[in-house]
Amino acid sequence: MKILSYQTTFCDRTSNITNVGVTCSTNSYTLGGAVNGLSGTVVLQNNGGDNLTRNSNGGFTFATPVASGAPYNVTILSQPAGQTCTVSNGSGTMGGSNVSNVSVTCSTNTTLSTSVSQLALSITGITEYGVTGTPNSGVARQITITNTGGTSATNLSITYPTWPAGTTASSTCGATLAAGATCTITVTPGANATSGCNTSHNAPTPGVITVNATNVAAAVTTNVMVLGYSCQYQGGYVYAFDDTTPNTGSVGGKVATISSQAGVIWSSNGTGGASDNVSSDIIPLISEIGSSPTYADAQSTFNSTYANDATFPFPASSAFSSCSGATNGQCNSNNILALYDTYKTGYGVGSSPYTLAAGPTTRTYYAAGLCKQTIAGYSDWYLPAICEMGYEKNSLTGTGCGNSGAPTLQNIQKSLIDTSGLSGLSGIYWSSTEQSFNPGVVAWFEVFASSGSGQGTSNKNNPLKVRCSRALTL
């Protein structure tokens, strides 16, 4: 404190003097320091104001001094492009001298990446019938975080969502991640699905894992979902899981479409999808007996059915795969389309032998073709095989699909109706499996019902419902 002025007047008086004036003011001192590592433009502030722009390294001083005894707080208002600046010695109470030790240190930003932007896991406690190598669901899965920049990521942090009960997460990530280094986050699922989607039958709201650091351009995130049967995911209801997929990515499995497709015949002669427009062709290698009907049988029947087979020969054997007809609907569907994408058969038009025409047959005219539409944004649907749809009610069915206690595969009936109580699927649906005894005329169907699965065969000219399936995208 300084005495700025004084005034004294002497005179010959006989009374006390009481009008002496003393005026005081608080000393103020400068605030500054040095900037290091800067390669752009940084804007500093003191106490939320007094902006100071710097575009070079070296000393700096704020324009407005700070009164002795008053607080100061130096912060970054605007970071330089591609850099992160931090302040040390930047806050305190001004004393009786200038402050010149504020340090602003700038470093080049680094970048983080995550191995997966979306991670799906299965709940525990599901027996994965038909999957070789793992008896049950619930495999823990990993996310890898990589520092892809040229400098260490500092003050690394991980923010986890509120997990469904029983799910936990752990990490090998520390506070610093060196350039080029990686660390992992492991998510271990419990018995409860995200958002309760296995009981609500809805699409779950993902939990988000966020990884950030002081000097990264942007945080990285991964959406995580723990799924159970009947959760809506990737366009359909989940009815099968495959936890043999690598634990560095999502669980495998299958979904069925949310809605069924309209009734249609199994195969079309190219003139429509009504019952009188059926084509009674043999599609090779897709019956419940995997090796039948043979390619030779299918070719021989084709040649005897059509008059112009020399002009339009039966597709080469390379066009057809040897399918496990009872269990592999995707393979079956590909074989069916191999014929009907090639030709319109004209079967039943006029008299035998019938006349072929160049294809393709309109896909909405027949069951497997209906599943080649884009549904819920996905175009890789197929007509499921009979064992993907259900199981045998009795041993006389002969599909080889097992029973409700030990089905050959996880299937729509057991997973979605028996286990999950999902309503709205009831009805009679085509499978992609031909019947081995009379493959040109007959194919297998599935009855979805709350009272249990039923399986049988029907002439291909019957318009039955279609519910498509697809494999999960990993």
Foldseek 3Di string as FASTA:
>chain_A
DDFDDWDDDDDDDDDDDDPIDTDDDFDWAKEKEWEPDAQAKWWKAKPPDQIDIDGDTTIDIRPDTGTAQAKIAMDTPDDGPQKFKDWDPGIDGHHDYYHYHIYIYMDGFWAKDKPAQEAEAEAWDAQFFQAPDDGIGFDKAKMKMFTQGQAKFAQKDKDWFPDDPPKDKDKPDDRIAGHGGMIMMIITHYRAWAVNCLQVLEAHDWIKMWIHGRRHPDIGIHTYTHDAASRDDPAFTFQGWHQVPDRHHYIKGKGWHPAWDFFFFAAALQPAGALLGHFLAFQAQQALQRHPDDPVVRQVVLPQQADVCVVVPDDDPVQADRDNNQFDQLRLLSSNQSRQQAWNRQGPPDDPSGHIDGDNRQLVNHQQSVQQDQHPNDRSKGFAHNLQAFAAPDPVAPSQQHHLVRGNGRHCQNRPCVPRVDPDPFFKEFHSHAHRVRRSFKGKIWGRDNVGIHIDMDGSSTGTMTMIMDMDDD
